[in-house]
Protein backbone atom coordinates (compact mmCIF):
# COMPACT_ATOMS: atom_id res chain seq x y z
CA MET A 1 0.00 0.00 0.00
CA TYR A 2 2.72 2.48 1.01
CA LYS A 3 4.56 1.89 -2.22
CA GLY A 4 1.44 2.83 -4.13
CA ILE A 5 1.04 6.06 -2.21
CA LEU A 6 4.45 7.23 -3.39
CA LYS A 7 2.87 7.75 -6.80
CA THR A 8 1.11 10.83 -5.50
CA VAL A 9 4.29 12.80 -5.22
CA ALA A 10 5.83 11.89 -8.56
CA VAL A 11 7.75 14.86 -9.98
CA SER A 12 7.32 16.34 -13.42
CA SER A 13 10.47 15.53 -15.35
CA MET A 14 10.31 18.93 -17.00
CA ALA A 15 10.03 20.70 -13.66
CA ALA A 16 12.94 18.75 -12.27
CA MET A 17 15.05 19.50 -15.35
CA LEU A 18 14.31 23.22 -15.15
CA ILE A 19 15.15 23.37 -11.47
CA LEU A 20 18.39 21.47 -11.89
CA ALA A 21 19.38 23.69 -14.77
CA GLY A 22 18.87 26.77 -12.64
CA CYS A 23 20.68 25.58 -9.52
CA SER A 24 23.81 27.43 -8.53
CA SER A 25 26.94 25.68 -7.39
CA GLY A 26 27.65 28.52 -4.95
CA ALA A 27 27.82 28.35 -1.21
CA SER A 28 24.84 27.05 0.75
CA ASN A 29 22.58 29.56 2.48
CA GLU A 30 21.96 27.03 5.24
CA PRO A 31 23.36 28.24 8.53
CA SER A 32 25.42 25.90 10.63
CA THR A 33 23.35 24.36 13.39
CA SER A 34 26.09 25.45 15.80
CA GLU A 35 25.61 29.15 15.02
CA LYS A 36 22.49 29.56 17.16
CA LYS A 37 22.92 27.01 19.91
CA THR A 38 20.75 27.45 22.96
CA ASP A 39 21.61 26.51 26.51
CA THR A 40 19.59 23.36 27.19
CA ASN A 41 18.49 24.81 30.54
CA GLU A 42 17.32 28.10 29.04
CA LYS A 43 13.58 28.66 28.83
CA VAL A 44 12.66 29.02 25.14
CA THR A 45 9.44 30.25 23.55
CA LEU A 46 8.49 29.22 20.02
CA THR A 47 5.64 30.51 17.91
CA PHE A 48 3.70 28.02 15.78
CA TRP A 49 1.33 29.10 13.01
CA ASP A 50 -1.51 26.87 11.83
CA GLU A 51 -2.61 27.69 8.25
CA ASN A 52 -6.08 26.15 8.60
CA ALA A 53 -7.39 27.06 12.01
CA GLY A 54 -10.93 26.43 13.14
CA PRO A 55 -13.03 24.62 15.73
CA GLN A 56 -12.20 21.23 14.25
CA ARG A 57 -8.43 21.50 13.79
CA THR A 58 -7.28 24.03 16.39
CA PRO A 59 -7.89 21.64 19.34
CA ILE A 60 -5.80 18.98 17.58
CA TRP A 61 -2.78 21.28 17.36
CA GLU A 62 -3.30 22.45 20.93
CA GLU A 63 -3.23 18.85 22.16
CA LEU A 64 -0.05 18.07 20.22
CA ILE A 65 1.60 21.22 21.50
CA LYS A 66 0.70 20.24 25.07
CA ARG A 67 2.26 16.82 24.54
CA PHE A 68 5.41 18.44 23.14
CA GLU A 69 5.69 20.86 26.06
CA ASP A 70 5.26 17.99 28.52
CA GLU A 71 8.21 16.22 26.90
CA ASN A 72 10.23 19.45 26.66
CA PRO A 73 9.62 21.48 29.83
CA ASN A 74 12.14 24.15 28.80
CA ILE A 75 10.15 24.97 25.62
CA ASP A 76 6.87 26.89 25.47
CA VAL A 77 4.95 26.98 22.19
CA GLU A 78 2.56 29.79 21.38
CA TYR A 79 -0.14 28.63 18.97
CA VAL A 80 -1.47 31.11 16.40
CA GLY A 81 -4.39 29.97 14.27
CA LEU A 82 -4.84 31.48 10.82
CA PRO A 83 -8.13 31.14 8.90
CA LYS A 84 -7.58 29.02 5.80
CA ASP A 85 -8.66 31.65 3.26
CA SER A 86 -6.37 34.38 4.63
CA ALA A 87 -3.42 32.32 5.85
CA LYS A 88 -1.24 32.88 2.78
CA THR A 89 -1.77 36.65 2.98
CA LYS A 90 -0.75 36.68 6.64
CA TYR A 91 2.36 34.63 5.92
CA ASP A 92 3.24 37.02 3.09
CA ALA A 93 2.89 40.03 5.37
CA SER A 94 5.03 38.43 8.07
CA ILE A 95 7.77 37.64 5.57
CA ALA A 96 7.74 41.20 4.23
CA ALA A 97 7.97 42.56 7.77
CA GLU A 98 10.62 39.97 8.75
CA ASP A 99 8.37 38.99 11.63
CA THR A 100 7.78 35.33 10.86
CA PRO A 101 6.91 32.54 13.28
CA ASP A 102 9.48 29.98 14.36
CA VAL A 103 7.55 27.04 12.96
CA GLY A 104 4.51 26.80 10.73
CA SER A 105 2.22 24.48 8.83
CA VAL A 106 2.93 25.37 5.20
CA GLN A 107 1.18 24.19 2.06
CA THR A 108 3.42 22.56 -0.51
CA SER A 109 2.49 25.06 -3.22
CA TRP A 110 3.89 27.91 -1.08
CA LEU A 111 7.38 26.44 -0.71
CA PRO A 112 8.92 27.72 -3.99
CA GLU A 113 7.90 31.32 -3.33
CA PHE A 114 8.85 31.27 0.36
CA ALA A 115 12.22 29.73 -0.52
CA LEU A 116 12.95 32.41 -3.14
CA ARG A 117 12.11 35.07 -0.56
CA GLU A 118 14.64 33.41 1.77
CA ALA A 119 12.01 33.06 4.47
CA LEU A 120 12.57 29.40 5.34
CA LEU A 121 15.40 27.52 6.98
CA PRO A 122 16.79 24.62 4.95
CA LEU A 123 16.25 21.46 6.97
CA ASP A 124 18.56 19.10 5.10
CA SER A 125 21.20 18.71 7.83
CA TYR A 126 18.59 18.29 10.56
CA PHE A 127 16.64 15.78 8.49
CA ASP A 128 19.72 13.77 7.54
CA ASP A 129 20.61 13.37 11.24
CA TRP A 130 17.05 12.46 12.27
CA GLU A 131 16.57 8.85 13.26
CA ASP A 132 13.08 8.74 11.74
CA LYS A 133 14.00 10.18 8.35
CA ASP A 134 13.51 6.89 6.49
CA LYS A 135 9.95 6.59 7.78
CA ILE A 136 8.72 9.73 6.01
CA ASN A 137 7.34 9.22 2.51
CA THR A 138 10.45 9.43 0.34
CA GLY A 139 8.55 10.62 -2.71
CA ALA A 140 7.03 13.50 -0.73
CA ILE A 141 10.43 14.59 0.57
CA GLU A 142 11.97 14.51 -2.92
CA PHE A 143 9.00 16.38 -4.38
CA ASN A 144 9.40 19.18 -1.85
CA LYS A 145 13.08 19.48 -2.71
CA ASP A 146 12.58 19.35 -6.47
CA ILE A 147 10.03 22.15 -6.67
CA VAL A 148 12.27 24.79 -5.08
CA PHE A 149 15.03 26.63 -6.94
CA ASP A 150 17.96 25.33 -4.87
CA ASN A 151 16.78 21.73 -4.30
CA LYS A 152 16.88 22.09 -0.54
CA LEU A 153 14.39 20.70 1.95
CA TYR A 154 12.13 23.41 3.34
CA GLY A 155 9.18 21.38 4.59
CA ILE A 156 8.57 17.96 6.16
CA PRO A 157 5.14 16.72 4.96
CA TYR A 158 3.00 15.43 7.80
CA THR A 159 -0.17 14.73 5.83
CA GLN A 160 -1.29 13.79 2.34
CA ASN A 161 -4.64 14.52 0.78
CA LEU A 162 -6.89 13.63 -2.16
CA ASP A 163 -9.81 15.45 -3.72
CA ILE A 164 -12.97 13.35 -3.73
CA LEU A 165 -16.75 13.73 -3.72
CA TRP A 166 -18.75 13.55 -0.50
CA VAL A 167 -22.27 12.26 -1.12
CA ARG A 168 -25.41 11.60 0.92
CA PRO A 169 -25.87 7.83 0.37
CA ASP A 170 -29.18 7.88 2.25
CA TRP A 171 -30.63 10.42 -0.19
CA PHE A 172 -29.20 8.61 -3.20
CA SER A 173 -30.82 5.39 -1.99
CA GLU A 174 -34.18 7.07 -1.41
CA LYS A 175 -34.36 8.40 -4.97
CA GLY A 176 -32.63 5.46 -6.62
CA THR A 177 -29.84 7.73 -7.87
CA LYS A 178 -26.70 5.94 -8.98
CA VAL A 179 -23.55 6.94 -7.14
CA PRO A 180 -21.54 8.45 -10.00
CA GLU A 181 -18.53 6.67 -11.44
CA ASN A 182 -18.19 8.71 -14.64
CA TRP A 183 -18.94 12.30 -15.60
CA ASP A 184 -22.27 11.65 -17.28
CA GLU A 185 -23.47 9.99 -14.08
CA PHE A 186 -22.08 12.94 -12.09
CA PHE A 187 -24.23 15.48 -13.92
CA THR A 188 -27.26 13.16 -13.87
CA ALA A 189 -26.97 12.64 -10.12
CA ILE A 190 -26.87 16.40 -9.51
CA GLU A 191 -30.10 16.90 -11.46
CA GLU A 192 -31.87 13.98 -9.80
CA GLN A 193 -30.90 15.08 -6.31
CA THR A 194 -32.08 18.67 -6.75
CA ASP A 195 -35.43 19.35 -5.09
CA LYS A 196 -35.97 23.11 -4.79
CA SER A 197 -39.38 22.64 -3.19
CA ASN A 198 -37.52 21.27 -0.18
CA ASN A 199 -34.60 23.72 -0.50
CA ARG A 200 -32.29 20.90 -1.50
CA TYR A 201 -29.71 21.14 -4.26
CA GLY A 202 -27.79 18.37 -5.94
CA TYR A 203 -24.40 20.07 -5.69
CA THR A 204 -22.49 23.14 -4.50
CA ILE A 205 -19.75 25.04 -6.37
CA ARG A 206 -16.98 26.78 -4.45
CA GLY A 207 -17.03 30.16 -6.16
CA GLY A 208 -15.25 32.04 -3.38
CA ALA A 209 -11.67 32.08 -2.14
CA GLY A 210 -9.69 28.89 -2.72
CA GLY A 211 -12.05 27.50 -5.33
CA SER A 212 -9.33 27.57 -7.99
CA PHE A 213 -7.61 24.49 -6.59
CA GLN A 214 -10.79 22.44 -6.63
CA LEU A 215 -11.76 23.67 -10.07
CA GLN A 216 -8.38 22.73 -11.49
CA ARG A 217 -8.53 19.24 -10.02
CA LEU A 218 -11.98 18.69 -11.52
CA MET A 219 -10.83 19.88 -14.94
CA TYR A 220 -7.90 17.49 -15.11
CA ALA A 221 -9.97 14.65 -13.69
CA TYR A 222 -12.36 15.20 -16.60
CA SER A 223 -9.78 15.59 -19.36
CA GLY A 224 -7.24 13.00 -18.25
CA GLU A 225 -4.46 15.38 -19.29
CA GLU A 226 -1.21 14.55 -17.49
CA ASN A 227 0.92 17.53 -18.53
CA TYR A 228 0.16 20.98 -17.17
CA ILE A 229 2.67 22.63 -19.51
CA GLU A 230 4.01 21.24 -22.78
CA ASP A 231 6.76 23.05 -24.73
CA GLY A 232 5.94 26.31 -22.95
CA LYS A 233 2.20 26.02 -23.61
CA SER A 234 -0.31 25.38 -20.86
CA THR A 235 -2.98 22.72 -21.26
CA ILE A 236 -5.34 24.77 -19.09
CA ASN A 237 -7.28 26.12 -22.08
CA SER A 238 -7.71 22.78 -23.85
CA LYS A 239 -10.98 22.08 -25.62
CA GLU A 240 -11.74 19.32 -23.10
CA HIS A 241 -11.44 21.77 -20.21
CA ALA A 242 -13.66 24.27 -21.98
CA GLU A 243 -16.20 21.53 -22.65
CA PHE A 244 -16.26 20.54 -19.01
CA LEU A 245 -16.53 24.05 -17.57
CA LYS A 246 -19.46 24.93 -19.81
CA LYS A 247 -21.38 21.97 -18.35
CA TYR A 248 -20.12 22.64 -14.85
CA PHE A 249 -20.92 26.35 -14.60
CA ALA A 250 -24.32 25.74 -16.20
CA LEU A 251 -25.24 24.03 -12.92
CA TYR A 252 -25.06 27.32 -11.05
CA LYS A 253 -28.39 28.51 -9.59
CA GLU A 254 -30.28 25.79 -11.46
CA TYR A 255 -28.91 22.87 -9.45
CA THR A 256 -26.72 24.70 -6.90
CA PRO A 257 -27.38 27.47 -4.36
CA GLN A 258 -27.21 31.06 -5.60
CA SER A 259 -24.78 31.86 -2.77
CA ASP A 260 -22.19 29.58 -4.39
CA ILE A 261 -20.67 32.53 -6.24
CA THR A 262 -19.10 33.80 -3.01
CA ASN A 263 -19.06 30.64 -0.91
CA GLY A 264 -15.70 29.57 0.47
CA TYR A 265 -14.70 26.37 2.21
CA LYS A 266 -16.76 26.85 5.35
CA GLU A 267 -19.98 27.75 3.55
CA MET A 268 -19.58 24.92 1.06
CA ILE A 269 -19.02 22.30 3.76
CA ALA A 270 -21.83 23.74 5.88
CA GLY A 271 -24.20 23.36 2.94
CA PHE A 272 -23.48 19.64 2.86
CA ASP A 273 -23.45 19.11 6.62
CA THR A 274 -26.75 20.95 7.20
CA GLY A 275 -28.64 19.07 4.50
CA ALA A 276 -28.81 21.79 1.85
CA VAL A 277 -26.85 19.88 -0.81
CA ALA A 278 -26.53 16.23 -1.72
CA MET A 279 -22.98 16.21 -3.07
CA VAL A 280 -19.86 18.33 -2.61
CA GLN A 281 -16.37 18.18 -4.02
CA HIS A 282 -13.63 18.65 -1.46
CA ASN A 283 -11.03 16.27 -0.07
CA ILE A 284 -10.79 13.55 2.54
CA GLY A 285 -9.64 16.20 5.04
CA SER A 286 -13.18 17.43 5.69
CA TYR A 287 -14.02 14.05 7.23
CA GLY A 288 -13.82 15.55 10.72
CA GLU A 289 -16.53 18.13 10.04
CA HIS A 290 -18.84 15.56 8.44
CA ASN A 291 -18.27 13.11 11.25
CA GLU A 292 -19.30 15.70 13.85
CA ALA A 293 -22.39 16.92 11.96
CA LEU A 294 -23.76 13.72 10.43
CA GLU A 295 -24.35 10.08 11.20
CA PRO A 296 -22.00 7.56 9.51
CA SER A 297 -24.83 6.47 7.19
CA GLN A 298 -25.31 10.05 5.98
CA PHE A 299 -21.95 10.72 4.32
CA GLN A 300 -19.70 8.74 2.03
CA ALA A 301 -16.45 9.49 0.23
CA ILE A 302 -16.25 8.44 -3.42
CA PRO A 303 -13.49 9.11 -5.99
CA LEU A 304 -13.82 11.89 -8.52
CA PRO A 305 -15.42 10.40 -11.65
CA LYS A 306 -13.22 8.56 -14.11
CA THR A 307 -12.22 9.89 -17.50
CA ALA A 308 -14.01 8.81 -20.67
CA ASP A 309 -11.52 5.96 -21.01
CA GLY A 310 -12.01 4.84 -17.40
CA LYS A 311 -9.05 6.31 -15.49
CA TYR A 312 -8.73 8.18 -12.24
CA VAL A 313 -6.81 11.45 -12.23
CA ALA A 314 -5.24 13.02 -9.14
CA GLU A 315 -2.94 15.92 -8.42
CA GLY A 316 0.66 15.14 -7.51
CA GLY A 317 2.24 16.73 -4.44
CA ASN A 318 -0.99 17.17 -2.50
CA THR A 319 0.68 17.47 0.90
CA ILE A 320 1.13 19.93 3.77
CA GLY A 321 4.34 20.14 5.76
CA ILE A 322 6.03 21.61 8.80
CA SER A 323 8.55 24.35 8.02
CA VAL A 324 11.04 26.24 10.18
CA PHE A 325 11.46 29.93 9.41
CA LYS A 326 14.91 31.36 8.88
CA ASN A 327 14.49 34.22 11.37
CA SER A 328 13.91 31.86 14.26
CA GLU A 329 16.27 32.60 17.12
CA HIS A 330 15.96 29.00 18.27
CA PRO A 331 16.42 26.78 15.20
CA ASP A 332 17.40 23.67 17.18
CA GLU A 333 14.27 23.84 19.32
CA ALA A 334 12.19 24.69 16.24
CA TRP A 335 13.49 21.55 14.52
CA LYS A 336 12.73 19.54 17.64
CA LEU A 337 9.08 20.66 17.33
CA ALA A 338 9.03 19.90 13.59
CA ALA A 339 10.38 16.41 14.22
CA PHE A 340 7.90 15.81 17.05
CA LEU A 341 4.96 16.77 14.84
CA ASN A 342 6.15 14.24 12.26
CA SER A 343 6.59 11.41 14.75
CA LYS A 344 4.44 8.30 14.52
CA GLU A 345 2.31 9.31 17.51
CA SER A 346 1.74 12.90 16.34
CA GLN A 347 0.98 12.04 12.73
CA SER A 348 -1.37 9.28 13.82
CA TYR A 349 -3.27 11.60 16.16
CA TRP A 350 -3.53 14.50 13.70
CA ASN A 351 -4.46 12.47 10.62
CA GLN A 352 -6.96 10.27 12.44
CA GLN A 353 -8.81 13.31 13.75
CA VAL A 354 -8.78 15.14 10.43
CA GLY A 355 -9.20 12.09 8.21
CA GLN A 356 -6.15 12.42 5.97
CA ILE A 357 -3.26 10.16 5.01
CA PRO A 358 -0.16 10.13 7.23
CA THR A 359 3.26 10.27 5.56
CA ASN A 360 4.98 8.32 8.35
CA SER A 361 5.08 4.68 7.30
CA ASP A 362 4.74 3.42 10.87
CA VAL A 363 1.18 4.78 10.96
CA LEU A 364 -0.13 3.13 7.82
CA ASP A 365 -0.67 -0.28 9.40
CA GLU A 366 -2.66 1.07 12.35
CA GLU A 367 -6.23 -0.13 12.75
CA TRP A 368 -7.81 3.30 12.32
CA VAL A 369 -6.26 3.55 8.85
CA LYS A 370 -7.51 0.11 7.86
CA ASN A 371 -10.99 0.85 9.24
CA SER A 372 -11.46 4.30 7.66
CA PRO A 373 -13.59 3.98 4.49
CA HIS A 374 -12.55 7.42 3.19
CA ILE A 375 -8.85 6.57 3.60
CA GLN A 376 -9.43 3.30 1.77
CA THR A 377 -11.16 5.28 -0.99
CA ALA A 378 -8.02 7.37 -1.33
CA PHE A 379 -5.88 4.23 -1.47
CA SER A 380 -8.13 2.80 -4.20
CA VAL A 381 -7.19 5.80 -6.35
CA TYR A 382 -3.52 6.11 -5.43
CA ASP A 383 -2.84 2.38 -5.64
CA ASN A 384 -4.55 1.98 -9.01
CA PRO A 385 -1.79 1.36 -11.60
CA GLU A 386 -3.75 3.26 -14.25
CA THR A 387 -4.27 6.40 -12.17
CA ILE A 388 -2.95 9.51 -13.92
CA LEU A 389 -1.08 12.10 -11.86
CA TYR A 390 -0.95 15.57 -13.31
CA LYS A 391 1.74 17.83 -11.90
CA PRO A 392 1.01 21.52 -11.32
CA PRO A 393 3.98 23.88 -11.80
CA PHE A 394 4.53 24.50 -8.09
CA TYR A 395 8.08 25.54 -9.00
CA LEU A 396 6.77 28.73 -10.63
CA PRO A 397 6.98 31.55 -8.04
CA GLU A 398 3.79 33.10 -9.46
CA TYR A 399 1.80 29.86 -9.50
CA ARG A 400 -0.12 30.42 -6.28
CA SER A 401 -0.72 34.12 -6.94
CA ILE A 402 -2.16 33.28 -10.38
CA LEU A 403 -4.71 31.00 -8.75
CA ASP A 404 -5.58 33.58 -6.11
CA THR A 405 -5.67 36.74 -8.24
CA ILE A 406 -6.73 35.47 -11.67
CA VAL A 407 -8.52 32.14 -11.31
CA ASP A 408 -10.64 32.82 -8.21
CA PRO A 409 -12.06 36.15 -9.49
CA GLY A 410 -12.27 34.70 -13.00
CA THR A 411 -14.47 31.91 -11.69
CA GLN A 412 -16.87 34.47 -10.25
CA ALA A 413 -16.81 36.43 -13.52
CA VAL A 414 -17.90 33.35 -15.46
CA MET A 415 -20.58 32.46 -12.91
CA SER A 416 -21.99 36.00 -13.11
CA GLY A 417 -21.95 36.00 -16.92
CA LYS A 418 -19.29 38.71 -17.24
CA MET A 419 -16.75 36.41 -18.92
CA THR A 420 -16.99 33.39 -21.20
CA VAL A 421 -15.38 30.08 -20.34
CA GLU A 422 -12.97 30.50 -23.25
CA GLU A 423 -11.91 33.98 -22.12
CA PHE A 424 -11.42 32.70 -18.59
CA LEU A 425 -9.26 29.76 -19.63
CA ASP A 426 -7.22 31.82 -22.09
CA GLU A 427 -6.41 34.40 -19.41
CA TRP A 428 -5.42 31.65 -17.00
CA ALA A 429 -3.27 29.82 -19.56
CA THR A 430 -1.55 33.06 -20.67
CA ALA A 431 -0.59 33.91 -17.09
CA ILE A 432 0.92 30.44 -16.58
CA GLU A 433 2.81 30.60 -19.88
CA GLU A 434 4.24 34.03 -19.08
CA ALA A 435 5.35 32.79 -15.67
CA GLN A 436 7.00 29.78 -17.31
CA LYS A 437 8.80 32.01 -19.78
CA LYS A 438 10.18 34.22 -17.00
CA TYR A 439 11.24 31.15 -15.06
CA ASP A 440 13.09 29.73 -18.07
CA GLU A 441 14.82 33.03 -18.76
CA HIS A 442 15.98 33.37 -15.14
CA PHE A 443 17.07 29.83 -14.42
CA ASN A 444 18.38 28.82 -17.83
CA GLN A 445 20.77 31.70 -18.41
């Protein structure tokens, strides 16, 4: 099983080639671990930032921090929870002000930009000396190194995710609706499950902040396209993607709530958990919310529909990691916290509560993993030898900002009728291609 999971962090050969071509042979920017040694008896305070705070996840981090402090009485950890939709902005501001935390939960797609801004501490020497290094998903570690300009390790992934569909199996059974396996069945199920007389919709679209990631994953799951960029050209504006989005956005207001145009993560999940919608696309990480709001018979994780030729498609590198920030005055203690959060016990506790896949191999044989249907759904996709993994260009410094500043508002423009699908996709593809061109010019001099 673990071998199959390594597929999820396969690296684009083109991305790896570009990064290697741009690497300098100059001196490392990694400080010696002896430069900032702390007296072991000195009381140390670390600040930890959580990039997805909320009533479901904040208590998990607080419990892990308590366990860490109990084991390390000379270290206090101050927890700071950042709302998911504004976390990147707050990290950006802290980097600009040189007022970063010591340790933080950092999404994989942020690593290239943060590394270029010299905000993160390379963890290679710490990781190489760590006794548990061989237990962490090797593919995930290599992916995180390959997407940054200098091939250094800036984040230790503690969790792995997969986009799926959450459905109401009880409602599907009542109406005799087939749980969708392909895209035709997906659209049919949405129509059949819509009952406006009872204020029930078949689906909900995330039109607000962060919807770009989900939209992209749906598009590639539909098209089966493996390459995000080919010979400098993006596949974003392919005819298959245009075909899909025309069908998809046509659902808005007819089979989805009108509020979808501004709904973010919380509103989308709340729509499902309160019985307003029958099906929602998210990832296995919203298991915790569903488990608190619904009975086990009322929610089920199923894979995104297969392509026309019967294949699953998933996004490579779908992980979140623990990073240490370069400005930390206590790098040794910060690493100690990072290592603790990636231990077997910590990863097991966090991922079991949230419902995601641990990257520590010692956890994968635990009973809760074997007995979690949504985790097994993820394995059914990742372990399938025909599953296609498309690889977003995380290595592009502008990648995340393109999604936030072009794709998210562009989605709303299409939903409100102010932009056509073709115009939307062309603008998105052009931005990616321009970013690729600048990257090639800078790193292939």
